[in-house]
PDB file of N, CA and C in Angstrom:
ATOM      1  N   UNK A   1      14.832   3.448  -6.686  1.00  0.00           N
ATOM      2  CA  UNK A   1      13.552   4.128  -6.111  1.00  0.00           C
ATOM      3  C   UNK A   1      13.761   4.557  -4.780  1.00  0.00           C
ATOM      4  N   UNK A   2      13.032   5.612  -4.673  1.00  0.00           N
ATOM      5  CA  UNK A   2      13.318   6.355  -3.448  1.00  0.00           C
ATOM      6  C   UNK A   2      12.472   5.595  -2.346  1.00  0.00           C
ATOM      7  N   UNK A   3      12.804   5.508  -1.355  1.00  0.00           N
ATOM      8  CA  UNK A   3      12.095   4.909   0.008  1.00  0.00           C
ATOM      9  C   UNK A   3      11.687   5.682   1.055  1.00  0.00           C
ATOM     10  N   UNK A   4      10.691   5.407   1.775  1.00  0.00           N
ATOM     11  CA  UNK A   4       9.939   6.312   2.748  1.00  0.00           C
ATOM     12  C   UNK A   4       9.617   5.363   4.124  1.00  0.00           C
ATOM     13  N   UNK A   5       9.385   6.165   5.165  1.00  0.00           N
ATOM     14  CA  UNK A   5       8.731   5.724   6.226  1.00  0.00           C
ATOM     15  C   UNK A   5       7.346   5.919   6.123  1.00  0.00           C
ATOM     16  N   UNK A   6       6.335   4.946   6.483  1.00  0.00           N
ATOM     17  CA  UNK A   6       5.104   5.342   6.659  1.00  0.00           C
ATOM     18  C   UNK A   6       4.632   4.946   8.166  1.00  0.00           C
ATOM     19  N   UNK A   7       3.654   5.966   8.525  1.00  0.00           N
ATOM     20  CA  UNK A   7       3.235   5.751   9.784  1.00  0.00           C
ATOM     21  C   UNK A   7       1.813   6.570  10.108  1.00  0.00           C
ATOM     22  N   UNK A   8       1.037   6.070  11.230  1.00  0.00           N
ATOM     23  CA  UNK A   8       0.024   6.705  11.410  1.00  0.00           C
ATOM     24  C   UNK A   8       0.324   8.291  12.083  1.00  0.00           C
ATOM     25  N   UNK A   9      -0.724   9.022  11.713  1.00  0.00           N
ATOM     26  CA  UNK A   9      -0.330  10.587  11.987  1.00  0.00           C
ATOM     27  C   UNK A   9      -0.649  10.603  13.707  1.00  0.00           C
ATOM     28  N   UNK A  10      -1.551   9.914  14.072  1.00  0.00           N
ATOM     29  CA  UNK A  10      -2.166  10.318  15.452  1.00  0.00           C
ATOM     30  C   UNK A  10      -1.383   9.846  16.388  1.00  0.00           C
ATOM     31  N   UNK A  11      -1.101   8.278  16.071  1.00  0.00           N
ATOM     32  CA  UNK A  11      -0.473   7.438  17.289  1.00  0.00           C
ATOM     33  C   UNK A  11       0.848   7.224  16.732  1.00  0.00           C
ATOM     34  N   UNK A  12       1.511   7.542  15.603  1.00  0.00           N
ATOM     35  CA  UNK A  12       2.803   7.225  15.474  1.00  0.00           C
ATOM     36  C   UNK A  12       3.187   5.982  15.291  1.00  0.00           C
ATOM     37  N   UNK A  13       2.070   4.870  15.179  1.00  0.00           N
ATOM     38  CA  UNK A  13       2.528   3.829  14.879  1.00  0.00           C
ATOM     39  C   UNK A  13       3.013   3.401  13.464  1.00  0.00           C
ATOM     40  N   UNK A  14       3.978   2.706  13.370  1.00  0.00           N
ATOM     41  CA  UNK A  14       4.779   2.591  11.900  1.00  0.00           C
ATOM     42  C   UNK A  14       4.260   1.630  11.037  1.00  0.00           C
ATOM     43  N   UNK A  15       4.060   1.613   9.866  1.00  0.00           N
ATOM     44  CA  UNK A  15       3.620   0.504   9.003  1.00  0.00           C
ATOM     45  C   UNK A  15       4.623  -0.104   8.228  1.00  0.00           C
ATOM     46  N   UNK A  16       5.575   0.727   7.999  1.00  0.00           N
ATOM     47  CA  UNK A  16       6.868   0.282   7.242  1.00  0.00           C
ATOM     48  C   UNK A  16       8.041   1.447   7.294  1.00  0.00           C
ATOM     49  N   UNK A  17       9.127   0.984   7.045  1.00  0.00           N
ATOM     50  CA  UNK A  17      10.276   1.956   7.278  1.00  0.00           C
ATOM     51  C   UNK A  17      11.177   1.902   5.820  1.00  0.00           C
ATOM     52  N   UNK A  18      10.729   0.837   5.060  1.00  0.00           N
ATOM     53  CA  UNK A  18      11.226   0.702   3.606  1.00  0.00           C
ATOM     54  C   UNK A  18      10.175   0.665   2.665  1.00  0.00           C
ATOM     55  N   UNK A  19       9.431   1.663   2.507  1.00  0.00           N
ATOM     56  CA  UNK A  19       8.340   1.819   1.666  1.00  0.00           C
ATOM     57  C   UNK A  19       8.775   2.179   0.413  1.00  0.00           C
ATOM     58  N   UNK A  20       8.999   1.376  -0.711  1.00  0.00           N
ATOM     59  CA  UNK A  20       9.401   2.302  -2.140  1.00  0.00           C
ATOM     60  C   UNK A  20       8.163   3.160  -2.676  1.00  0.00           C
ATOM     61  N   UNK A  21       8.391   4.322  -3.257  1.00  0.00           N
ATOM     62  CA  UNK A  21       7.566   5.075  -3.834  1.00  0.00           C
ATOM     63  C   UNK A  21       7.645   4.922  -5.221  1.00  0.00           C
ATOM     64  N   UNK A  22       6.513   4.337  -5.735  1.00  0.00           N
ATOM     65  CA  UNK A  22       6.280   4.361  -7.271  1.00  0.00           C
ATOM     66  C   UNK A  22       5.569   5.543  -7.925  1.00  0.00           C
ATOM     67  N   UNK A  23       6.294   6.514  -8.402  1.00  0.00           N
ATOM     68  CA  UNK A  23       5.532   7.595  -8.868  1.00  0.00           C
ATOM     69  C   UNK A  23       5.843   7.924 -10.282  1.00  0.00           C
ATOM     70  N   UNK A  24       6.129   7.086 -11.125  1.00  0.00           N
ATOM     71  CA  UNK A  24       5.721   7.120 -12.292  1.00  0.00           C
ATOM     72  C   UNK A  24       4.847   6.056 -13.014  1.00  0.00           C
ATOM     73  N   UNK A  25       4.453   6.170 -14.242  1.00  0.00           N
ATOM     74  CA  UNK A  25       3.360   5.221 -14.873  1.00  0.00           C
ATOM     75  C   UNK A  25       4.122   3.818 -14.927  1.00  0.00           C
ATOM     76  N   UNK A  26       5.261   3.930 -15.351  1.00  0.00           N
ATOM     77  CA  UNK A  26       6.308   2.500 -15.359  1.00  0.00           C
ATOM     78  C   UNK A  26       6.306   1.958 -14.106  1.00  0.00           C
ATOM     79  N   UNK A  27       6.672   2.523 -12.864  1.00  0.00           N
ATOM     80  CA  UNK A  27       6.925   2.269 -11.540  1.00  0.00           C
ATOM     81  C   UNK A  27       5.708   1.515 -11.093  1.00  0.00           C
ATOM     82  N   UNK A  28       4.448   2.105 -11.183  1.00  0.00           N
ATOM     83  CA  UNK A  28       3.368   1.841 -10.863  1.00  0.00           C
ATOM     84  C   UNK A  28       2.868   0.649 -11.423  1.00  0.00           C
ATOM     85  N   UNK A  29       2.726   0.510 -12.785  1.00  0.00           N
ATOM     86  CA  UNK A  29       2.744  -0.871 -13.542  1.00  0.00           C
ATOM     87  C   UNK A  29       3.478  -1.816 -13.124  1.00  0.00           C
ATOM     88  N   UNK A  30       4.791  -1.883 -12.858  1.00  0.00           N
ATOM     89  CA  UNK A  30       5.680  -2.829 -12.742  1.00  0.00           C
ATOM     90  C   UNK A  30       5.431  -3.327 -11.102  1.00  0.00           C
ATOM     91  N   UNK A  31       5.198  -2.265 -10.151  1.00  0.00           N
ATOM     92  CA  UNK A  31       4.631  -2.512  -8.803  1.00  0.00           C
ATOM     93  C   UNK A  31       5.968  -3.558  -8.311  1.00  0.00           C
ATOM     94  N   UNK A  32       5.064  -4.490  -7.633  1.00  0.00           N
ATOM     95  CA  UNK A  32       5.756  -5.711  -6.945  1.00  0.00           C
ATOM     96  C   UNK A  32       5.761  -7.053  -8.029  1.00  0.00           C
ATOM     97  N   UNK A  33       5.246  -6.777  -9.240  1.00  0.00           N
ATOM     98  CA  UNK A  33       5.521  -8.023 -10.138  1.00  0.00           C
ATOM     99  C   UNK A  33       6.804  -8.597 -10.307  1.00  0.00           C
ATOM    100  N   UNK A  34       6.870  -9.832 -10.202  1.00  0.00           N
ATOM    101  CA  UNK A  34       8.100 -10.654 -10.312  1.00  0.00           C
ATOM    102  C   UNK A  34       9.237 -10.356  -9.344  1.00  0.00           C
ATOM    103  N   UNK A  35       8.793  -9.761  -7.979  1.00  0.00           N
ATOM    104  CA  UNK A  35       9.581  -9.248  -6.908  1.00  0.00           C
ATOM    105  C   UNK A  35       9.415 -10.400  -5.847  1.00  0.00           C
ATOM    106  N   UNK A  36      10.680 -10.499  -5.250  1.00  0.00           N
ATOM    107  CA  UNK A  36      10.262 -11.695  -4.108  1.00  0.00           C
ATOM    108  C   UNK A  36       9.093 -11.074  -2.975  1.00  0.00           C
ATOM    109  N   UNK A  37       8.789 -11.907  -2.086  1.00  0.00           N
ATOM    110  CA  UNK A  37       7.691 -11.365  -1.054  1.00  0.00           C
ATOM    111  C   UNK A  37       8.370 -10.404  -0.208  1.00  0.00           C
ATOM    112  N   UNK A  38       7.500  -9.363   0.300  1.00  0.00           N
ATOM    113  CA  UNK A  38       7.937  -8.355   1.334  1.00  0.00           C
ATOM    114  C   UNK A  38       8.301  -9.015   2.603  1.00  0.00           C
ATOM    115  N   UNK A  39       9.143  -8.332   3.141  1.00  0.00           N
ATOM    116  CA  UNK A  39       9.603  -8.667   4.556  1.00  0.00           C
ATOM    117  C   UNK A  39       8.908  -7.552   5.735  1.00  0.00           C
ATOM    118  N   UNK A  40       8.879  -7.765   6.653  1.00  0.00           N
ATOM    119  CA  UNK A  40       8.385  -7.132   7.628  1.00  0.00           C
ATOM    120  C   UNK A  40       9.228  -5.549   7.493  1.00  0.00           C
ATOM    121  N   UNK A  41       8.492  -4.376   7.306  1.00  0.00           N
ATOM    122  CA  UNK A  41       8.935  -3.228   7.107  1.00  0.00           C
ATOM    123  C   UNK A  41       9.072  -2.615   5.767  1.00  0.00           C
ATOM    124  N   UNK A  42       8.800  -3.609   4.909  1.00  0.00           N
ATOM    125  CA  UNK A  42       8.749  -3.163   3.456  1.00  0.00           C
ATOM    126  C   UNK A  42       7.393  -3.096   3.117  1.00  0.00           C
ATOM    127  N   UNK A  43       7.250  -2.219   1.928  1.00  0.00           N
ATOM    128  CA  UNK A  43       6.047  -1.872   1.217  1.00  0.00           C
ATOM    129  C   UNK A  43       6.160  -0.968  -0.067  1.00  0.00           C
ATOM    130  N   UNK A  44       5.092  -0.661  -0.695  1.00  0.00           N
ATOM    131  CA  UNK A  44       5.199   0.135  -1.851  1.00  0.00           C
ATOM    132  C   UNK A  44       4.236   1.140  -1.891  1.00  0.00           C
ATOM    133  N   UNK A  45       4.509   2.526  -2.012  1.00  0.00           N
ATOM    134  CA  UNK A  45       3.358   3.411  -2.120  1.00  0.00           C
ATOM    135  C   UNK A  45       3.166   3.795  -3.778  1.00  0.00           C
ATOM    136  N   UNK A  46       2.062   3.674  -4.106  1.00  0.00           N
ATOM    137  CA  UNK A  46       1.637   3.783  -5.498  1.00  0.00           C
ATOM    138  C   UNK A  46       0.890   5.387  -5.594  1.00  0.00           C
ATOM    139  N   UNK A  47       1.906   6.232  -5.995  1.00  0.00           N
ATOM    140  CA  UNK A  47       1.058   7.702  -6.126  1.00  0.00           C
ATOM    141  C   UNK A  47       0.434   8.046  -7.168  1.00  0.00           C
ATOM    142  N   UNK A  48      -0.704   8.630  -7.103  1.00  0.00           N
ATOM    143  CA  UNK A  48      -1.815   8.758  -7.888  1.00  0.00           C
ATOM    144  C   UNK A  48      -2.289   7.462  -8.969  1.00  0.00           C
ATOM    145  N   UNK A  49      -2.658   6.637  -7.793  1.00  0.00           N
ATOM    146  CA  UNK A  49      -3.026   5.150  -8.220  1.00  0.00           C
ATOM    147  C   UNK A  49      -4.520   4.647  -7.692  1.00  0.00           C
ATOM    148  N   UNK A  50      -5.436   4.572  -8.193  1.00  0.00           N
ATOM    149  CA  UNK A  50      -6.774   4.330  -7.593  1.00  0.00           C
ATOM    150  C   UNK A  50      -6.858   2.762  -7.632  1.00  0.00           C
ATOM    151  N   UNK A  51      -6.302   1.996  -8.068  1.00  0.00           N
ATOM    152  CA  UNK A  51      -6.568   0.384  -8.169  1.00  0.00           C
ATOM    153  C   UNK A  51      -5.088  -0.328  -8.673  1.00  0.00           C
ATOM    154  N   UNK A  52      -5.187  -1.550  -8.150  1.00  0.00           N
ATOM    155  CA  UNK A  52      -3.973  -2.326  -8.287  1.00  0.00           C
ATOM    156  C   UNK A  52      -4.164  -3.752  -8.654  1.00  0.00           C
ATOM    157  N   UNK A  53      -3.134  -4.507  -8.934  1.00  0.00           N
ATOM    158  CA  UNK A  53      -3.329  -5.504  -9.702  1.00  0.00           C
ATOM    159  C   UNK A  53      -2.318  -6.755  -8.961  1.00  0.00           C
ATOM    160  N   UNK A  54      -2.586  -7.863  -8.904  1.00  0.00           N
ATOM    161  CA  UNK A  54      -1.480  -8.724  -8.269  1.00  0.00           C
ATOM    162  C   UNK A  54      -1.370  -9.982  -9.196  1.00  0.00           C
ATOM    163  N   UNK A  55      -1.272  -9.507 -10.628  1.00  0.00           N
ATOM    164  CA  UNK A  55      -0.879 -10.404 -11.841  1.00  0.00           C
ATOM    165  C   UNK A  55       0.565 -10.609 -11.752  1.00  0.00           C
ATOM    166  N   UNK A  56       1.107 -11.641 -11.709  1.00  0.00           N
ATOM    167  CA  UNK A  56       2.543 -12.231 -11.659  1.00  0.00           C
ATOM    168  C   UNK A  56       3.073 -12.100 -10.630  1.00  0.00           C
ATOM    169  N   UNK A  57       2.285 -11.881  -9.208  1.00  0.00           N
ATOM    170  CA  UNK A  57       2.888 -12.260  -8.265  1.00  0.00           C
ATOM    171  C   UNK A  57       2.215 -13.580  -7.305  1.00  0.00           C
ATOM    172  N   UNK A  58       3.011 -14.236  -6.569  1.00  0.00           N
ATOM    173  CA  UNK A  58       2.846 -15.285  -5.977  1.00  0.00           C
ATOM    174  C   UNK A  58       2.682 -15.176  -4.538  1.00  0.00           C
ATOM    175  N   UNK A  59       2.134 -14.168  -3.970  1.00  0.00           N
ATOM    176  CA  UNK A  59       1.894 -14.014  -2.455  1.00  0.00           C
ATOM    177  C   UNK A  59       0.757 -13.209  -2.268  1.00  0.00           C
ATOM    178  N   UNK A  60      -0.244 -13.048  -1.280  1.00  0.00           N
ATOM    179  CA  UNK A  60      -0.937 -12.110  -0.791  1.00  0.00           C
ATOM    180  C   UNK A  60      -0.211 -10.871  -0.253  1.00  0.00           C
ATOM    181  N   UNK A  61      -1.074  -9.657  -0.621  1.00  0.00           N
ATOM    182  CA  UNK A  61      -0.505  -8.508  -0.116  1.00  0.00           C
ATOM    183  C   UNK A  61      -1.883  -7.694   0.878  1.00  0.00           C
ATOM    184  N   UNK A  62      -1.518  -6.790   1.436  1.00  0.00           N
ATOM    185  CA  UNK A  62      -2.498  -5.917   2.110  1.00  0.00           C
ATOM    186  C   UNK A  62      -2.435  -4.447   1.276  1.00  0.00           C
ATOM    187  N   UNK A  63      -3.721  -3.896   1.085  1.00  0.00           N
ATOM    188  CA  UNK A  63      -3.512  -2.621   0.356  1.00  0.00           C
ATOM    189  C   UNK A  63      -4.497  -1.861   1.037  1.00  0.00           C
ATOM    190  N   UNK A  64      -3.804  -0.548   1.279  1.00  0.00           N
ATOM    191  CA  UNK A  64      -4.725   0.609   1.584  1.00  0.00           C
ATOM    192  C   UNK A  64      -4.718   1.589   0.907  1.00  0.00           C
ATOM    193  N   UNK A  65      -6.175   2.035   0.453  1.00  0.00           N
ATOM    194  CA  UNK A  65      -6.165   2.969  -0.518  1.00  0.00           C
ATOM    195  C   UNK A  65      -6.331   4.268   0.293  1.00  0.00           C
ATOM    196  N   UNK A  66      -5.853   5.582  -0.233  1.00  0.00           N
ATOM    197  CA  UNK A  66      -5.744   6.570   0.622  1.00  0.00           C
ATOM    198  C   UNK A  66      -6.303   7.931  -0.270  1.00  0.00           C
ATOM    199  N   UNK A  67      -6.875   8.712   0.322  1.00  0.00           N
ATOM    200  CA  UNK A  67      -7.195   9.937  -0.661  1.00  0.00           C
ATOM    201  C   UNK A  67      -6.149  10.864  -0.335  1.00  0.00           C
ATOM    202  N   UNK A  68      -6.329  12.143  -0.938  1.00  0.00           N
ATOM    203  CA  UNK A  68      -5.405  13.138  -1.306  1.00  0.00           C
ATOM    204  C   UNK A  68      -4.347  13.448   0.198  1.00  0.00           C
ATOM    205  N   UNK A  69      -5.345  13.488   1.354  1.00  0.00           N
ATOM    206  CA  UNK A  69      -4.457  14.037   2.432  1.00  0.00           C
ATOM    207  C   UNK A  69      -3.920  12.787   3.071  1.00  0.00           C
ATOM    208  N   UNK A  70      -3.990  11.683   2.487  1.00  0.00           N
ATOM    209  CA  UNK A  70      -3.554  10.312   3.236  1.00  0.00           C
ATOM    210  C   UNK A  70      -4.295   9.561   4.357  1.00  0.00           C
ATOM    211  N   UNK A  71      -5.581   9.848   4.142  1.00  0.00           N
ATOM    212  CA  UNK A  71      -6.698   9.107   4.925  1.00  0.00           C
ATOM    213  C   UNK A  71      -7.028   7.957   4.247  1.00  0.00           C
ATOM    214  N   UNK A  72      -7.205   6.831   5.223  1.00  0.00           N
ATOM    215  CA  UNK A  72      -7.588   5.474   4.606  1.00  0.00           C
ATOM    216  C   UNK A  72      -9.091   5.570   4.057  1.00  0.00           C
ATOM    217  N   UNK A  73      -9.318   5.147   2.845  1.00  0.00           N
ATOM    218  CA  UNK A  73     -10.646   5.292   2.351  1.00  0.00           C
ATOM    219  C   UNK A  73     -11.183   3.623   2.059  1.00  0.00           C
ATOM    220  N   UNK A  74     -10.430   3.056   1.903  1.00  0.00           N
ATOM    221  CA  UNK A  74     -10.549   1.541   1.796  1.00  0.00           C
ATOM    222  C   UNK A  74      -9.245   0.587   2.019  1.00  0.00           C
ATOM    223  N   UNK A  75      -9.630  -0.672   2.878  1.00  0.00           N
ATOM    224  CA  UNK A  75      -8.860  -1.629   2.966  1.00  0.00           C
ATOM    225  C   UNK A  75      -9.057  -2.804   2.588  1.00  0.00           C
ATOM    226  N   UNK A  76      -8.018  -3.628   1.873  1.00  0.00           N
ATOM    227  CA  UNK A  76      -8.177  -4.704   1.429  1.00  0.00           C
ATOM    228  C   UNK A  76      -7.139  -5.695   1.958  1.00  0.00           C
ATOM    229  N   UNK A  77      -7.694  -6.339   2.769  1.00  0.00           N
ATOM    230  CA  UNK A  77      -6.815  -7.609   3.449  1.00  0.00           C
ATOM    231  C   UNK A  77      -6.549  -8.729   2.728  1.00  0.00           C
ATOM    232  N   UNK A  78      -5.272  -9.078   2.457  1.00  0.00           N
ATOM    233  CA  UNK A  78      -4.758 -10.384   2.038  1.00  0.00           C
ATOM    234  C   UNK A  78      -5.463 -10.516   0.401  1.00  0.00           C
ATOM    235  N   UNK A  79      -5.232  -9.439  -0.350  1.00  0.00           N
ATOM    236  CA  UNK A  79      -5.580  -9.608  -1.561  1.00  0.00           C
ATOM    237  C   UNK A  79      -4.512 -10.636  -2.166  1.00  0.00           C
ATOM    238  N   UNK A  80      -5.197 -11.504  -3.053  1.00  0.00           N
ATOM    239  CA  UNK A  80      -4.384 -12.904  -3.180  1.00  0.00           C
ATOM    240  C   UNK A  80      -3.838 -12.722  -4.780  1.00  0.00           C
ATOM    241  N   UNK A  81      -3.059 -13.406  -5.105  1.00  0.00           N
ATOM    242  CA  UNK A  81      -2.259 -13.286  -6.621  1.00  0.00           C
ATOM    243  C   UNK A  81      -3.503 -13.524  -7.551  1.00  0.00           C
ATOM    244  N   UNK A  82      -3.066 -12.797  -8.974  1.00  0.00           N
ATOM    245  CA  UNK A  82      -4.012 -12.814  -9.944  1.00  0.00           C
ATOM    246  C   UNK A  82      -5.161 -12.107  -9.680  1.00  0.00           C
ATOM    247  N   UNK A  83      -5.173 -10.920  -8.913  1.00  0.00           N
ATOM    248  CA  UNK A  83      -6.766 -10.181  -8.584  1.00  0.00           C
ATOM    249  C   UNK A  83      -6.457  -8.960  -8.683  1.00  0.00           C
ATOM    250  N   UNK A  84      -7.547  -8.014  -8.912  1.00  0.00           N
ATOM    251  CA  UNK A  84      -7.718  -6.567  -8.835  1.00  0.00           C
ATOM    252  C   UNK A  84      -8.063  -6.189  -7.814  1.00  0.00           C
ATOM    253  N   UNK A  85      -7.879  -4.963  -7.229  1.00  0.00           N
ATOM    254  CA  UNK A  85      -8.201  -4.430  -6.152  1.00  0.00           C
ATOM    255  C   UNK A  85      -8.449  -2.573  -6.490  1.00  0.00           C
ATOM    256  N   UNK A  86      -9.859  -2.423  -6.509  1.00  0.00           N
ATOM    257  CA  UNK A  86     -10.362  -1.137  -6.640  1.00  0.00           C
ATOM    258  C   UNK A  86     -10.486  -0.242  -5.240  1.00  0.00           C
ATOM    259  N   UNK A  87      -9.940   0.828  -5.637  1.00  0.00           N
ATOM    260  CA  UNK A  87      -9.969   1.779  -4.252  1.00  0.00           C
ATOM    261  C   UNK A  87     -11.582   2.512  -4.007  1.00  0.00           C
ATOM    262  N   UNK A  88     -12.058   2.930  -5.051  1.00  0.00           N
ATOM    263  CA  UNK A  88     -13.601   3.399  -5.137  1.00  0.00           C
ATOM    264  C   UNK A  88     -13.299   4.939  -4.980  1.00  0.00           C
ATOM    265  N   UNK A  89     -14.299   5.464  -4.587  1.00  0.00           N
ATOM    266  CA  UNK A  89     -14.625   6.767  -4.520  1.00  0.00           C
ATOM    267  C   UNK A  89     -13.589   7.356  -3.708  1.00  0.00           C
ATOM    268  N   UNK A  90     -12.673   8.573  -4.212  1.00  0.00           N
ATOM    269  CA  UNK A  90     -11.879   9.331  -3.209  1.00  0.00           C
ATOM    270  C   UNK A  90     -10.509   8.731  -3.236  1.00  0.00           C
ATOM    271  N   UNK A  91     -10.201   7.432  -3.793  1.00  0.00           N
ATOM    272  CA  UNK A  91      -8.779   6.916  -3.749  1.00  0.00           C
ATOM    273  C   UNK A  91      -7.999   7.414  -4.760  1.00  0.00           C
ATOM    274  N   UNK A  92      -6.837   7.798  -4.040  1.00  0.00           N
ATOM    275  CA  UNK A  92      -5.957   8.580  -4.822  1.00  0.00           C
ATOM    276  C   UNK A  92      -4.597   7.989  -4.973  1.00  0.00           C
ATOM    277  N   UNK A  93      -3.985   7.540  -3.694  1.00  0.00           N
ATOM    278  CA  UNK A  93      -2.901   6.592  -3.708  1.00  0.00           C
ATOM    279  C   UNK A  93      -3.328   5.246  -3.144  1.00  0.00           C
ATOM    280  N   UNK A  94      -2.388   4.293  -3.476  1.00  0.00           N
ATOM    281  CA  UNK A  94      -2.291   2.899  -2.584  1.00  0.00           C
ATOM    282  C   UNK A  94      -1.256   2.510  -2.251  1.00  0.00           C
ATOM    283  N   UNK A  95      -0.941   2.012  -1.229  1.00  0.00           N
ATOM    284  CA  UNK A  95      -0.367   1.332  -0.213  1.00  0.00           C
ATOM    285  C   UNK A  95      -0.360  -0.011  -0.119  1.00  0.00           C
ATOM    286  N   UNK A  96       0.741  -0.711  -0.659  1.00  0.00           N
ATOM    287  CA  UNK A  96       0.753  -2.163  -0.520  1.00  0.00           C
ATOM    288  C   UNK A  96       1.897  -2.545   0.531  1.00  0.00           C
ATOM    289  N   UNK A  97       1.344  -3.427   1.256  1.00  0.00           N
ATOM    290  CA  UNK A  97       1.989  -4.067   2.523  1.00  0.00           C
ATOM    291  C   UNK A  97       2.197  -5.643   2.683  1.00  0.00           C
ATOM    292  N   UNK A  98       3.149  -5.801   3.376  1.00  0.00           N
ATOM    293  CA  UNK A  98       2.976  -7.491   3.439  1.00  0.00           C
ATOM    294  C   UNK A  98       1.750  -8.052   4.277  1.00  0.00           C
ATOM    295  N   UNK A  99       0.899  -8.923   3.856  1.00  0.00           N
ATOM    296  CA  UNK A  99      -0.174  -9.422   4.138  1.00  0.00           C
ATOM    297  C   UNK A  99      -0.285  -9.563   5.679  1.00  0.00           C
ATOM    298  N   UNK A 100      -1.447  -8.956   6.275  1.00  0.00           N
ATOM    299  CA  UNK A 100      -1.451  -9.203   7.690  1.00  0.00           C
ATOM    300  C   UNK A 100      -1.239  -7.633   8.384  1.00  0.00           C
ATOM    301  N   UNK A 101      -0.181  -6.981   7.834  1.00  0.00           N
ATOM    302  CA  UNK A 101       0.009  -5.860   8.236  1.00  0.00           C
ATOM    303  C   UNK A 101      -0.767  -4.680   8.551  1.00  0.00           C
ATOM    304  N   UNK A 102      -1.625  -4.705   8.020  1.00  0.00           N
ATOM    305  CA  UNK A 102      -2.876  -3.569   8.463  1.00  0.00           C
ATOM    306  C   UNK A 102      -3.850  -3.821   9.430  1.00  0.00           C
ATOM    307  N   UNK A 103      -3.951  -5.210   9.673  1.00  0.00           N
ATOM    308  CA  UNK A 103      -4.726  -5.522  11.154  1.00  0.00           C
ATOM    309  C   UNK A 103      -3.904  -5.435  12.112  1.00  0.00           C
ATOM    310  N   UNK A 104      -2.310  -5.757  11.873  1.00  0.00           N
ATOM    311  CA  UNK A 104      -1.253  -5.689  12.963  1.00  0.00           C
ATOM    312  C   UNK A 104      -1.118  -4.330  13.553  1.00  0.00           C
ATOM    313  N   UNK A 105      -1.384  -3.313  12.709  1.00  0.00           N
ATOM    314  CA  UNK A 105      -1.210  -2.152  13.225  1.00  0.00           C
ATOM    315  C   UNK A 105      -2.607  -1.201  13.369  1.00  0.00           C
ATOM    316  N   UNK A 106      -3.639  -1.972  13.233  1.00  0.00           N
ATOM    317  CA  UNK A 106      -4.892  -1.232  13.344  1.00  0.00           C
ATOM    318  C   UNK A 106      -5.312  -0.171  12.357  1.00  0.00           C
ATOM    319  N   UNK A 107      -4.925  -0.513  11.292  1.00  0.00           N
ATOM    320  CA  UNK A 107      -5.100   0.268   9.973  1.00  0.00           C
ATOM    321  C   UNK A 107      -6.406   0.137   9.286  1.00  0.00           C
ATOM    322  N   UNK A 108      -7.227   1.114   9.069  1.00  0.00           N
ATOM    323  CA  UNK A 108      -8.276   0.852   8.296  1.00  0.00           C
ATOM    324  C   UNK A 108      -9.055   2.156   8.050  1.00  0.00           C
ATOM    325  N   UNK A 109     -10.054   2.244   7.403  1.00  0.00           N
ATOM    326  CA  UNK A 109     -10.739   3.329   6.928  1.00  0.00           C
ATOM    327  C   UNK A 109     -10.859   4.368   7.997  1.00  0.00           C
ATOM    328  N   UNK A 110     -10.532   5.725   7.592  1.00  0.00           N
ATOM    329  CA  UNK A 110     -10.387   6.653   8.581  1.00  0.00           C
ATOM    330  C   UNK A 110      -9.054   7.218   9.289  1.00  0.00           C
ATOM    331  N   UNK A 111      -8.249   5.972   9.232  1.00  0.00           N
ATOM    332  CA  UNK A 111      -7.153   6.318   9.811  1.00  0.00           C
ATOM    333  C   UNK A 111      -5.994   7.264   8.768  1.00  0.00           C
ATOM    334  N   UNK A 112      -5.500   8.285   9.102  1.00  0.00           N
ATOM    335  CA  UNK A 112      -4.428   9.101   8.403  1.00  0.00           C
ATOM    336  C   UNK A 112      -3.202   8.667   8.504  1.00  0.00           C
ATOM    337  N   UNK A 113      -2.528   8.503   7.192  1.00  0.00           N
ATOM    338  CA  UNK A 113      -1.258   8.421   7.259  1.00  0.00           C
ATOM    339  C   UNK A 113      -0.302   9.447   6.802  1.00  0.00           C
ATOM    340  N   UNK A 114       1.011   9.271   7.240  1.00  0.00           N
ATOM    341  CA  UNK A 114       1.786  10.431   6.650  1.00  0.00           C
ATOM    342  C   UNK A 114       3.109   9.422   6.186  1.00  0.00           C
ATOM    343  N   UNK A 115       3.835  10.009   5.110  1.00  0.00           N
ATOM    344  CA  UNK A 115       5.118   9.308   4.935  1.00  0.00           C
ATOM    345  C   UNK A 115       6.182  10.547   4.736  1.00  0.00           C
ATOM    346  N   UNK A 116       7.260   9.942   5.012  1.00  0.00           N
ATOM    347  CA  UNK A 116       8.607  11.177   4.876  1.00  0.00           C
ATOM    348  C   UNK A 116      10.108  10.267   4.568  1.00  0.00           C
TER     349      UNK A 116
END
């Protein structure tokens, strides 16, 4: 799976430097299920994904739902195991990060992100 770096467009604050890109139905479904907890710098970007689940996970995660331009439309901090997170109107992609990372980086609705 290819990896990208994700950062704030305006400030350059980096959210993760080893963010795996889930760009197929199977990769999105599998996501972080049965994988070890993410470390600082890790993450998963689920393209074309307006909702997430944490079934089969044993740790909480942060989730930022993004619109087509990469702007955060919804933030869920510390989504626990065996839960579902819905992005709501405008959500096109989902960014999963270690729990607490969105607050650490000041990431919330209205912040635009980019990945490369």
